[in-house]
Each structure stands twice: as C-alpha cells, then as structure tokens.
C-alpha cells in the first residue's frame, strides 16, 4: 500500500487536474474503448489522445518552417 501512496503523491506533483465537458456520444465512445481493454481508464485514454495530437501538431508545424 505504501508504494501506491508514493505513486499518488508523485502524480499529484507532476499532473494537474482539469475538468471538461464532453458530449454524451463522445463519452460513450471513450467508455467503450476502455471497456474493450485498450486503456485502463478514461483519463489514460484522454492523456494519450492529447499527447498524440500535440505530437502531430508539432510535427506539422515543423514542416511549415
């Protein structure tokens, strides 16, 4: 249990909580993906999707220079 508490403390220092509103169909799609086992949680899926978007955005921007 102590390891889990340490991990939670590290996450709190390295991550910030945000709230967002999603349309129901989008939320259901996220839940389907998680339930299918592709991601352990909606949070992990959303973090992955945002990271992919940022990588794509940055690589597209580099191509414009």
N, C-alpha and C. Protein backbone atom coordinates (compact mmCIF):
# COMPACT_ATOMS: atom_id res chain seq x y z
N UNK A 1 0.82 -1.19 0.00
CA UNK A 1 0.00 0.00 0.00
C UNK A 1 0.86 1.26 0.00
N UNK A 2 2.00 1.23 0.66
CA UNK A 2 2.86 2.41 0.72
C UNK A 2 3.33 2.83 -0.67
N UNK A 3 3.64 1.87 -1.52
CA UNK A 3 4.06 2.19 -2.89
C UNK A 3 2.99 2.93 -3.66
N UNK A 4 1.77 2.54 -3.44
CA UNK A 4 0.65 3.18 -4.12
C UNK A 4 0.50 4.63 -3.65
N UNK A 5 0.67 4.87 -2.37
CA UNK A 5 0.58 6.23 -1.84
C UNK A 5 1.69 7.10 -2.41
N UNK A 6 2.91 6.55 -2.51
CA UNK A 6 4.02 7.31 -3.09
C UNK A 6 3.74 7.65 -4.54
N UNK A 7 3.19 6.71 -5.29
CA UNK A 7 2.85 6.95 -6.69
C UNK A 7 1.81 8.06 -6.79
N UNK A 8 0.82 8.04 -5.91
CA UNK A 8 -0.22 9.08 -5.93
C UNK A 8 0.40 10.44 -5.66
N UNK A 9 1.34 10.51 -4.72
CA UNK A 9 1.98 11.79 -4.42
C UNK A 9 2.79 12.29 -5.60
N UNK A 10 3.50 11.40 -6.27
CA UNK A 10 4.28 11.79 -7.45
C UNK A 10 3.36 12.31 -8.53
N UNK A 11 2.26 11.63 -8.79
CA UNK A 11 1.32 12.07 -9.81
C UNK A 11 0.76 13.45 -9.49
N UNK A 12 0.46 13.70 -8.22
CA UNK A 12 -0.09 15.00 -7.85
C UNK A 12 0.92 16.11 -8.12
N UNK A 13 2.20 15.80 -7.98
CA UNK A 13 3.21 16.82 -8.23
C UNK A 13 3.46 17.02 -9.72
N UNK A 14 3.27 15.99 -10.52
CA UNK A 14 3.61 16.10 -11.94
C UNK A 14 2.39 16.31 -12.83
N UNK A 15 1.20 16.13 -12.31
CA UNK A 15 -0.01 16.31 -13.10
C UNK A 15 -0.93 17.30 -12.42
N UNK A 16 -1.73 17.96 -13.23
CA UNK A 16 -2.73 18.90 -12.70
C UNK A 16 -4.11 18.41 -13.13
N UNK A 17 -5.05 18.58 -12.28
CA UNK A 17 -6.42 18.18 -12.54
C UNK A 17 -7.12 19.26 -13.36
N UNK A 18 -7.81 18.84 -14.43
CA UNK A 18 -8.67 19.75 -15.18
C UNK A 18 -10.05 19.11 -15.29
N UNK A 19 -11.04 19.90 -15.52
CA UNK A 19 -12.40 19.41 -15.75
C UNK A 19 -12.79 19.77 -17.17
N UNK A 20 -13.55 18.90 -17.80
CA UNK A 20 -14.03 19.24 -19.12
C UNK A 20 -15.40 18.62 -19.34
N UNK A 21 -16.12 19.24 -20.20
CA UNK A 21 -17.45 18.77 -20.58
C UNK A 21 -17.33 18.09 -21.93
N UNK A 22 -17.93 16.90 -22.05
CA UNK A 22 -17.92 16.16 -23.31
C UNK A 22 -19.35 15.83 -23.72
N UNK A 23 -19.60 15.83 -25.01
CA UNK A 23 -20.92 15.38 -25.48
C UNK A 23 -21.11 13.90 -25.13
N UNK A 24 -22.33 13.51 -24.84
CA UNK A 24 -22.64 12.13 -24.47
C UNK A 24 -22.08 11.10 -25.45
N UNK A 25 -22.25 11.29 -26.77
CA UNK A 25 -21.72 10.28 -27.70
C UNK A 25 -20.19 10.10 -27.57
N UNK A 26 -19.49 11.18 -27.34
CA UNK A 26 -18.04 11.10 -27.19
C UNK A 26 -17.68 10.36 -25.90
N UNK A 27 -18.39 10.65 -24.83
CA UNK A 27 -18.15 9.97 -23.56
C UNK A 27 -18.44 8.48 -23.68
N UNK A 28 -19.53 8.12 -24.35
CA UNK A 28 -19.85 6.70 -24.54
C UNK A 28 -18.77 6.01 -25.35
N UNK A 29 -18.24 6.69 -26.37
CA UNK A 29 -17.17 6.11 -27.18
C UNK A 29 -15.92 5.86 -26.33
N UNK A 30 -15.57 6.82 -25.47
CA UNK A 30 -14.43 6.64 -24.58
C UNK A 30 -14.65 5.43 -23.67
N UNK A 31 -15.84 5.33 -23.11
CA UNK A 31 -16.16 4.21 -22.21
C UNK A 31 -16.08 2.88 -22.93
N UNK A 32 -16.53 2.82 -24.19
CA UNK A 32 -16.44 1.59 -24.98
C UNK A 32 -15.00 1.17 -25.18
N UNK A 33 -14.13 2.13 -25.48
CA UNK A 33 -12.71 1.83 -25.70
C UNK A 33 -12.07 1.30 -24.42
N UNK A 34 -12.40 1.93 -23.29
CA UNK A 34 -11.85 1.48 -22.01
C UNK A 34 -12.40 0.09 -21.66
N UNK A 35 -13.69 -0.11 -21.83
CA UNK A 35 -14.30 -1.41 -21.53
C UNK A 35 -13.75 -2.51 -22.40
N UNK A 36 -13.32 -2.17 -23.63
CA UNK A 36 -12.73 -3.16 -24.53
C UNK A 36 -11.31 -3.52 -24.11
N UNK A 37 -10.76 -2.77 -23.15
CA UNK A 37 -9.45 -3.10 -22.62
C UNK A 37 -8.28 -2.41 -23.29
N UNK A 38 -8.53 -1.45 -24.15
CA UNK A 38 -7.43 -0.76 -24.83
C UNK A 38 -6.69 0.21 -23.91
N UNK A 39 -7.39 0.74 -22.91
CA UNK A 39 -6.81 1.65 -21.94
C UNK A 39 -7.36 1.30 -20.57
N UNK A 40 -6.58 1.55 -19.52
CA UNK A 40 -7.06 1.20 -18.17
C UNK A 40 -8.11 2.16 -17.63
N UNK A 41 -8.20 3.37 -18.19
CA UNK A 41 -9.16 4.34 -17.70
C UNK A 41 -9.41 5.40 -18.77
N UNK A 42 -10.49 6.15 -18.59
CA UNK A 42 -10.77 7.26 -19.50
C UNK A 42 -9.68 8.32 -19.40
N UNK A 43 -9.16 8.53 -18.21
CA UNK A 43 -8.08 9.52 -18.03
C UNK A 43 -6.86 9.15 -18.86
N UNK A 44 -6.46 7.88 -18.81
CA UNK A 44 -5.31 7.44 -19.60
C UNK A 44 -5.57 7.60 -21.10
N UNK A 45 -6.75 7.27 -21.53
CA UNK A 45 -7.12 7.42 -22.94
C UNK A 45 -7.06 8.88 -23.37
N UNK A 46 -7.61 9.76 -22.55
CA UNK A 46 -7.61 11.19 -22.89
C UNK A 46 -6.19 11.74 -22.91
N UNK A 47 -5.35 11.34 -21.91
CA UNK A 47 -3.95 11.79 -21.92
C UNK A 47 -3.24 11.33 -23.18
N UNK A 48 -3.47 10.06 -23.58
CA UNK A 48 -2.85 9.53 -24.78
C UNK A 48 -3.31 10.31 -26.01
N UNK A 49 -4.59 10.57 -26.12
CA UNK A 49 -5.13 11.28 -27.28
C UNK A 49 -4.57 12.69 -27.37
N UNK A 50 -4.47 13.37 -26.24
CA UNK A 50 -3.92 14.72 -26.25
C UNK A 50 -2.45 14.70 -26.62
N UNK A 51 -1.69 13.75 -26.07
CA UNK A 51 -0.26 13.64 -26.40
C UNK A 51 -0.07 13.38 -27.89
N UNK A 52 -0.89 12.51 -28.47
CA UNK A 52 -0.81 12.22 -29.91
C UNK A 52 -1.12 13.47 -30.72
N UNK A 53 -2.14 14.21 -30.32
CA UNK A 53 -2.50 15.44 -31.02
C UNK A 53 -1.35 16.45 -30.97
N UNK A 54 -0.75 16.60 -29.80
CA UNK A 54 0.37 17.53 -29.65
C UNK A 54 1.54 17.11 -30.52
N UNK A 55 1.88 15.80 -30.53
CA UNK A 55 2.97 15.32 -31.40
C UNK A 55 2.68 15.61 -32.87
N UNK A 56 1.45 15.33 -33.29
CA UNK A 56 1.06 15.58 -34.67
C UNK A 56 1.12 17.07 -35.00
N UNK A 57 0.61 17.88 -34.10
CA UNK A 57 0.61 19.33 -34.29
C UNK A 57 2.04 19.85 -34.42
N UNK A 58 2.91 19.40 -33.52
CA UNK A 58 4.30 19.87 -33.56
C UNK A 58 5.01 19.42 -34.82
N UNK A 59 4.78 18.19 -35.25
CA UNK A 59 5.46 17.73 -36.46
C UNK A 59 4.92 18.45 -37.69
N UNK A 60 3.64 18.80 -37.70
CA UNK A 60 3.07 19.57 -38.81
C UNK A 60 3.63 20.98 -38.82
N UNK A 61 3.77 21.57 -37.63
CA UNK A 61 4.33 22.92 -37.54
C UNK A 61 5.78 22.95 -38.00
N UNK A 62 6.55 21.91 -37.69
CA UNK A 62 7.94 21.85 -38.12
C UNK A 62 8.03 21.82 -39.64
N UNK A 63 7.05 21.17 -40.28
CA UNK A 63 7.03 21.09 -41.72
C UNK A 63 6.73 22.42 -42.38
N UNK A 64 6.09 23.33 -41.66
CA UNK A 64 5.74 24.65 -42.21
C UNK A 64 6.92 25.60 -42.21
N UNK A 65 7.91 25.33 -41.36
CA UNK A 65 9.04 26.26 -41.22
C UNK A 65 10.00 26.18 -42.38
